[in-house]
Amino acid sequence: MYFAFDNASLDQQAREKLRAQAKWLMENPGPTVIIEGHTDNRGTDEYNLALGSRRAESVKNFLTNIGVPASRLITISYGEEQPAVRGNNEDAWTKNRRVAFRIR
C-alpha cells in the first residue's frame, strides 16, 4: 500500500485492499500482523521515522475500526532505512512511501 508524498492518509484503493485483508484476518484468528511504515529518503531521519509511524498507525486504526482486534496488530516504523527501491527519483520515491505487512 502506497502513500502520497508527506502523507499518511489512506486513499480509496488502500481502504479496499485493507477491507480484503481484514476479512482474511477475521477468518484466520491466529496470526499477528506487523505493520511496517516506510518512507522515501527525503527528510531527516527523525521526521521519516515519525511519518512511517503515522502511516503504520493509520493502517492499524482503519483495521481496528472495521473489527480486527488491536491486540493482533503491531506497528513499527523503519522510516527510510529499508527502501523497496534504491534511487533518488520520483519512481523510487513513490515505491518507498509504503506500508508493508509481515505475518507473525
N, C-alpha and C. Protein backbone atom coordinates (compact mmCIF):
# COMPACT_ATOMS: atom_id res chain seq x y z
N MET A 1 0.84 -1.15 0.00
CA MET A 1 0.00 0.00 0.00
C MET A 1 0.90 1.23 0.00
N TYR A 2 0.59 2.16 -0.88
CA TYR A 2 1.45 3.30 -1.10
C TYR A 2 0.78 4.60 -0.65
N PHE A 3 1.61 5.61 -0.40
CA PHE A 3 1.14 6.89 0.11
C PHE A 3 1.67 8.02 -0.74
N ALA A 4 0.94 9.12 -0.73
CA ALA A 4 1.40 10.34 -1.38
C ALA A 4 2.56 10.94 -0.57
N PHE A 5 3.29 11.83 -1.18
CA PHE A 5 4.41 12.50 -0.53
C PHE A 5 3.95 13.18 0.75
N ASP A 6 4.70 12.95 1.84
CA ASP A 6 4.46 13.61 3.13
C ASP A 6 3.03 13.41 3.63
N ASN A 7 2.51 12.19 3.45
CA ASN A 7 1.11 11.93 3.75
C ASN A 7 0.95 10.55 4.38
N ALA A 8 0.00 10.44 5.29
CA ALA A 8 -0.31 9.16 5.92
C ALA A 8 -1.78 8.78 5.73
N SER A 9 -2.47 9.49 4.84
CA SER A 9 -3.88 9.24 4.59
C SER A 9 -4.06 8.04 3.66
N LEU A 10 -5.13 7.29 3.91
CA LEU A 10 -5.45 6.14 3.08
C LEU A 10 -6.40 6.56 1.97
N ASP A 11 -6.02 6.27 0.73
CA ASP A 11 -6.92 6.57 -0.38
C ASP A 11 -7.93 5.43 -0.54
N GLN A 12 -8.85 5.58 -1.47
CA GLN A 12 -9.91 4.60 -1.67
C GLN A 12 -9.35 3.22 -2.01
N GLN A 13 -8.34 3.17 -2.85
CA GLN A 13 -7.74 1.90 -3.24
C GLN A 13 -7.12 1.21 -2.02
N ALA A 14 -6.46 1.95 -1.17
CA ALA A 14 -5.86 1.38 0.04
C ALA A 14 -6.93 0.84 0.96
N ARG A 15 -8.02 1.59 1.13
CA ARG A 15 -9.11 1.13 2.00
C ARG A 15 -9.72 -0.17 1.48
N GLU A 16 -9.86 -0.29 0.17
CA GLU A 16 -10.41 -1.52 -0.41
C GLU A 16 -9.48 -2.70 -0.14
N LYS A 17 -8.19 -2.51 -0.32
CA LYS A 17 -7.23 -3.58 -0.03
C LYS A 17 -7.26 -3.96 1.45
N LEU A 18 -7.36 -2.96 2.30
CA LEU A 18 -7.40 -3.24 3.73
C LEU A 18 -8.66 -3.98 4.15
N ARG A 19 -9.78 -3.69 3.50
CA ARG A 19 -11.01 -4.44 3.80
C ARG A 19 -10.82 -5.93 3.48
N ALA A 20 -10.16 -6.22 2.36
CA ALA A 20 -9.89 -7.61 2.00
C ALA A 20 -8.94 -8.26 3.01
N GLN A 21 -7.94 -7.54 3.44
CA GLN A 21 -7.01 -8.08 4.42
C GLN A 21 -7.70 -8.28 5.77
N ALA A 22 -8.58 -7.37 6.13
CA ALA A 22 -9.32 -7.50 7.38
C ALA A 22 -10.21 -8.75 7.34
N LYS A 23 -10.84 -8.98 6.21
CA LYS A 23 -11.68 -10.18 6.07
C LYS A 23 -10.84 -11.43 6.31
N TRP A 24 -9.66 -11.50 5.69
CA TRP A 24 -8.78 -12.65 5.88
C TRP A 24 -8.38 -12.78 7.35
N LEU A 25 -8.02 -11.67 7.97
CA LEU A 25 -7.62 -11.71 9.38
C LEU A 25 -8.74 -12.20 10.28
N MET A 26 -9.95 -11.79 10.01
CA MET A 26 -11.07 -12.21 10.85
C MET A 26 -11.42 -13.68 10.61
N GLU A 27 -11.15 -14.17 9.41
CA GLU A 27 -11.39 -15.59 9.12
C GLU A 27 -10.26 -16.47 9.64
N ASN A 28 -9.11 -15.88 9.92
CA ASN A 28 -7.92 -16.58 10.40
C ASN A 28 -7.45 -15.91 11.68
N PRO A 29 -8.02 -16.27 12.81
CA PRO A 29 -7.76 -15.54 14.05
C PRO A 29 -6.40 -15.77 14.71
N GLY A 30 -5.59 -16.66 14.20
CA GLY A 30 -4.32 -16.97 14.85
C GLY A 30 -3.20 -15.97 14.64
N PRO A 31 -2.92 -15.57 13.41
CA PRO A 31 -1.72 -14.76 13.17
C PRO A 31 -1.79 -13.34 13.74
N THR A 32 -0.63 -12.87 14.10
CA THR A 32 -0.43 -11.46 14.44
C THR A 32 0.22 -10.81 13.22
N VAL A 33 -0.12 -9.57 12.96
CA VAL A 33 0.42 -8.86 11.80
C VAL A 33 1.28 -7.70 12.27
N ILE A 34 2.47 -7.62 11.70
CA ILE A 34 3.35 -6.48 11.94
C ILE A 34 3.15 -5.53 10.77
N ILE A 35 2.75 -4.31 11.08
CA ILE A 35 2.50 -3.28 10.07
C ILE A 35 3.73 -2.38 10.06
N GLU A 36 4.46 -2.41 8.95
CA GLU A 36 5.72 -1.67 8.84
C GLU A 36 5.52 -0.40 8.03
N GLY A 37 5.83 0.74 8.63
CA GLY A 37 5.75 2.02 7.94
C GLY A 37 7.09 2.40 7.33
N HIS A 38 7.06 2.82 6.06
CA HIS A 38 8.27 3.19 5.33
C HIS A 38 8.09 4.55 4.65
N THR A 39 9.20 5.19 4.37
CA THR A 39 9.19 6.49 3.69
C THR A 39 10.25 6.50 2.59
N ASP A 40 10.20 7.55 1.78
CA ASP A 40 11.31 7.74 0.85
C ASP A 40 12.46 8.39 1.61
N ASN A 41 13.55 8.69 0.92
CA ASN A 41 14.75 9.16 1.62
C ASN A 41 14.85 10.68 1.74
N ARG A 42 13.77 11.38 1.47
CA ARG A 42 13.79 12.83 1.66
C ARG A 42 13.34 13.14 3.08
N GLY A 43 13.93 14.12 3.69
CA GLY A 43 13.59 14.49 5.06
C GLY A 43 14.62 13.94 6.03
N THR A 44 14.55 14.40 7.26
CA THR A 44 15.50 13.94 8.28
C THR A 44 15.13 12.54 8.75
N ASP A 45 16.08 11.87 9.36
CA ASP A 45 15.81 10.54 9.92
C ASP A 45 14.65 10.60 10.91
N GLU A 46 14.66 11.59 11.78
CA GLU A 46 13.63 11.71 12.80
C GLU A 46 12.25 11.93 12.17
N TYR A 47 12.20 12.81 11.18
CA TYR A 47 10.93 13.09 10.52
C TYR A 47 10.42 11.83 9.82
N ASN A 48 11.29 11.13 9.12
CA ASN A 48 10.87 9.95 8.38
C ASN A 48 10.42 8.82 9.31
N LEU A 49 11.07 8.68 10.45
CA LEU A 49 10.60 7.68 11.41
C LEU A 49 9.20 8.03 11.92
N ALA A 50 8.97 9.31 12.18
CA ALA A 50 7.64 9.74 12.64
C ALA A 50 6.59 9.55 11.54
N LEU A 51 6.93 9.87 10.31
CA LEU A 51 6.00 9.70 9.19
C LEU A 51 5.70 8.22 8.96
N GLY A 52 6.71 7.38 9.01
CA GLY A 52 6.49 5.94 8.88
C GLY A 52 5.57 5.42 9.97
N SER A 53 5.74 5.94 11.16
CA SER A 53 4.88 5.56 12.29
C SER A 53 3.44 6.00 12.04
N ARG A 54 3.25 7.23 11.56
CA ARG A 54 1.89 7.71 11.26
C ARG A 54 1.23 6.85 10.19
N ARG A 55 1.99 6.43 9.20
CA ARG A 55 1.43 5.56 8.15
C ARG A 55 1.01 4.22 8.71
N ALA A 56 1.86 3.61 9.52
CA ALA A 56 1.53 2.32 10.11
C ALA A 56 0.32 2.45 11.04
N GLU A 57 0.27 3.50 11.84
CA GLU A 57 -0.86 3.71 12.75
C GLU A 57 -2.15 3.98 11.98
N SER A 58 -2.06 4.67 10.86
CA SER A 58 -3.23 4.93 10.03
C SER A 58 -3.85 3.61 9.55
N VAL A 59 -3.00 2.69 9.13
CA VAL A 59 -3.47 1.38 8.69
C VAL A 59 -4.06 0.61 9.87
N LYS A 60 -3.35 0.61 10.99
CA LYS A 60 -3.84 -0.10 12.17
C LYS A 60 -5.20 0.44 12.60
N ASN A 61 -5.35 1.75 12.65
CA ASN A 61 -6.62 2.36 13.05
C ASN A 61 -7.75 1.96 12.12
N PHE A 62 -7.48 1.94 10.82
CA PHE A 62 -8.51 1.54 9.87
C PHE A 62 -8.93 0.10 10.13
N LEU A 63 -7.95 -0.79 10.28
CA LEU A 63 -8.26 -2.20 10.51
C LEU A 63 -9.03 -2.42 11.81
N THR A 64 -8.65 -1.73 12.87
CA THR A 64 -9.36 -1.91 14.14
C THR A 64 -10.77 -1.33 14.06
N ASN A 65 -10.94 -0.25 13.31
CA ASN A 65 -12.27 0.35 13.17
C ASN A 65 -13.24 -0.56 12.42
N ILE A 66 -12.73 -1.50 11.63
CA ILE A 66 -13.63 -2.41 10.92
C ILE A 66 -13.64 -3.80 11.55
N GLY A 67 -13.07 -3.93 12.75
CA GLY A 67 -13.27 -5.14 13.50
C GLY A 67 -12.07 -6.03 13.80
N VAL A 68 -10.90 -5.70 13.30
CA VAL A 68 -9.72 -6.51 13.61
C VAL A 68 -9.24 -6.13 15.02
N PRO A 69 -9.06 -7.10 15.89
CA PRO A 69 -8.61 -6.77 17.25
C PRO A 69 -7.22 -6.09 17.24
N ALA A 70 -7.11 -5.00 17.95
CA ALA A 70 -5.84 -4.27 18.03
C ALA A 70 -4.73 -5.15 18.59
N SER A 71 -5.08 -6.12 19.42
CA SER A 71 -4.07 -7.00 20.01
C SER A 71 -3.35 -7.86 18.97
N ARG A 72 -3.89 -7.95 17.78
CA ARG A 72 -3.27 -8.75 16.71
C ARG A 72 -2.42 -7.90 15.77
N LEU A 73 -2.34 -6.60 16.02
CA LEU A 73 -1.65 -5.68 15.12
C LEU A 73 -0.53 -4.96 15.86
N ILE A 74 0.66 -5.05 15.32
CA ILE A 74 1.84 -4.39 15.88
C ILE A 74 2.36 -3.42 14.83
N THR A 75 2.66 -2.19 15.22
CA THR A 75 3.20 -1.23 14.27
C THR A 75 4.67 -0.96 14.56
N ILE A 76 5.39 -0.71 13.48
CA ILE A 76 6.80 -0.33 13.58
C ILE A 76 7.12 0.59 12.41
N SER A 77 8.00 1.53 12.63
CA SER A 77 8.43 2.42 11.56
C SER A 77 9.90 2.17 11.25
N TYR A 78 10.18 2.02 9.99
CA TYR A 78 11.56 1.92 9.53
C TYR A 78 12.01 3.20 8.84
N GLY A 79 11.09 4.16 8.70
CA GLY A 79 11.46 5.39 8.02
C GLY A 79 12.01 5.09 6.65
N GLU A 80 13.18 5.62 6.37
CA GLU A 80 13.82 5.42 5.06
C GLU A 80 14.83 4.28 5.06
N GLU A 81 14.95 3.56 6.16
CA GLU A 81 16.04 2.59 6.33
C GLU A 81 15.93 1.32 5.51
N GLN A 82 14.76 0.95 5.03
CA GLN A 82 14.60 -0.28 4.26
C GLN A 82 13.86 0.02 2.95
N PRO A 83 14.53 0.69 2.02
CA PRO A 83 13.85 1.04 0.77
C PRO A 83 13.49 -0.21 -0.05
N ALA A 84 12.35 -0.15 -0.70
CA ALA A 84 11.96 -1.21 -1.63
C ALA A 84 12.76 -1.07 -2.92
N VAL A 85 13.07 0.18 -3.27
CA VAL A 85 13.80 0.51 -4.49
C VAL A 85 14.85 1.55 -4.16
N ARG A 86 16.05 1.35 -4.62
CA ARG A 86 17.10 2.35 -4.43
C ARG A 86 17.02 3.39 -5.55
N GLY A 87 17.27 4.63 -5.19
CA GLY A 87 17.28 5.68 -6.21
C GLY A 87 16.81 6.99 -5.64
N ASN A 88 17.13 8.04 -6.35
CA ASN A 88 16.74 9.39 -5.97
C ASN A 88 15.94 10.02 -7.10
N ASN A 89 14.81 9.39 -7.41
CA ASN A 89 13.93 9.90 -8.44
C ASN A 89 12.49 9.57 -8.05
N GLU A 90 11.55 10.16 -8.74
CA GLU A 90 10.15 10.01 -8.36
C GLU A 90 9.69 8.56 -8.39
N ASP A 91 10.16 7.77 -9.32
CA ASP A 91 9.76 6.37 -9.39
C ASP A 91 10.17 5.62 -8.12
N ALA A 92 11.41 5.80 -7.69
CA ALA A 92 11.89 5.15 -6.48
C ALA A 92 11.16 5.70 -5.25
N TRP A 93 11.02 7.00 -5.16
CA TRP A 93 10.36 7.60 -4.00
C TRP A 93 8.93 7.09 -3.87
N THR A 94 8.21 6.99 -4.99
CA THR A 94 6.83 6.53 -4.96
C THR A 94 6.73 5.12 -4.41
N LYS A 95 7.64 4.25 -4.78
CA LYS A 95 7.61 2.86 -4.33
C LYS A 95 8.08 2.69 -2.89
N ASN A 96 8.78 3.66 -2.37
CA ASN A 96 9.28 3.58 -0.99
C ASN A 96 8.32 4.17 0.03
N ARG A 97 7.37 4.95 -0.41
CA ARG A 97 6.36 5.53 0.50
C ARG A 97 5.24 4.50 0.68
N ARG A 98 5.42 3.61 1.66
CA ARG A 98 4.53 2.46 1.72
C ARG A 98 4.35 1.94 3.14
N VAL A 99 3.40 1.03 3.25
CA VAL A 99 3.25 0.19 4.44
C VAL A 99 3.33 -1.25 3.93
N ALA A 100 4.07 -2.06 4.64
CA ALA A 100 4.20 -3.49 4.32
C ALA A 100 3.71 -4.29 5.52
N PHE A 101 3.30 -5.51 5.25
CA PHE A 101 2.79 -6.40 6.30
C PHE A 101 3.68 -7.62 6.43
N ARG A 102 3.89 -8.03 7.66
CA ARG A 102 4.57 -9.30 7.94
C ARG A 102 3.68 -10.09 8.89
N ILE A 103 3.45 -11.35 8.56
CA ILE A 103 2.66 -12.22 9.41
C ILE A 103 3.59 -12.85 10.44
N ARG A 104 3.13 -12.87 11.66
CA ARG A 104 3.95 -13.49 12.72
C ARG A 104 3.12 -14.53 13.44
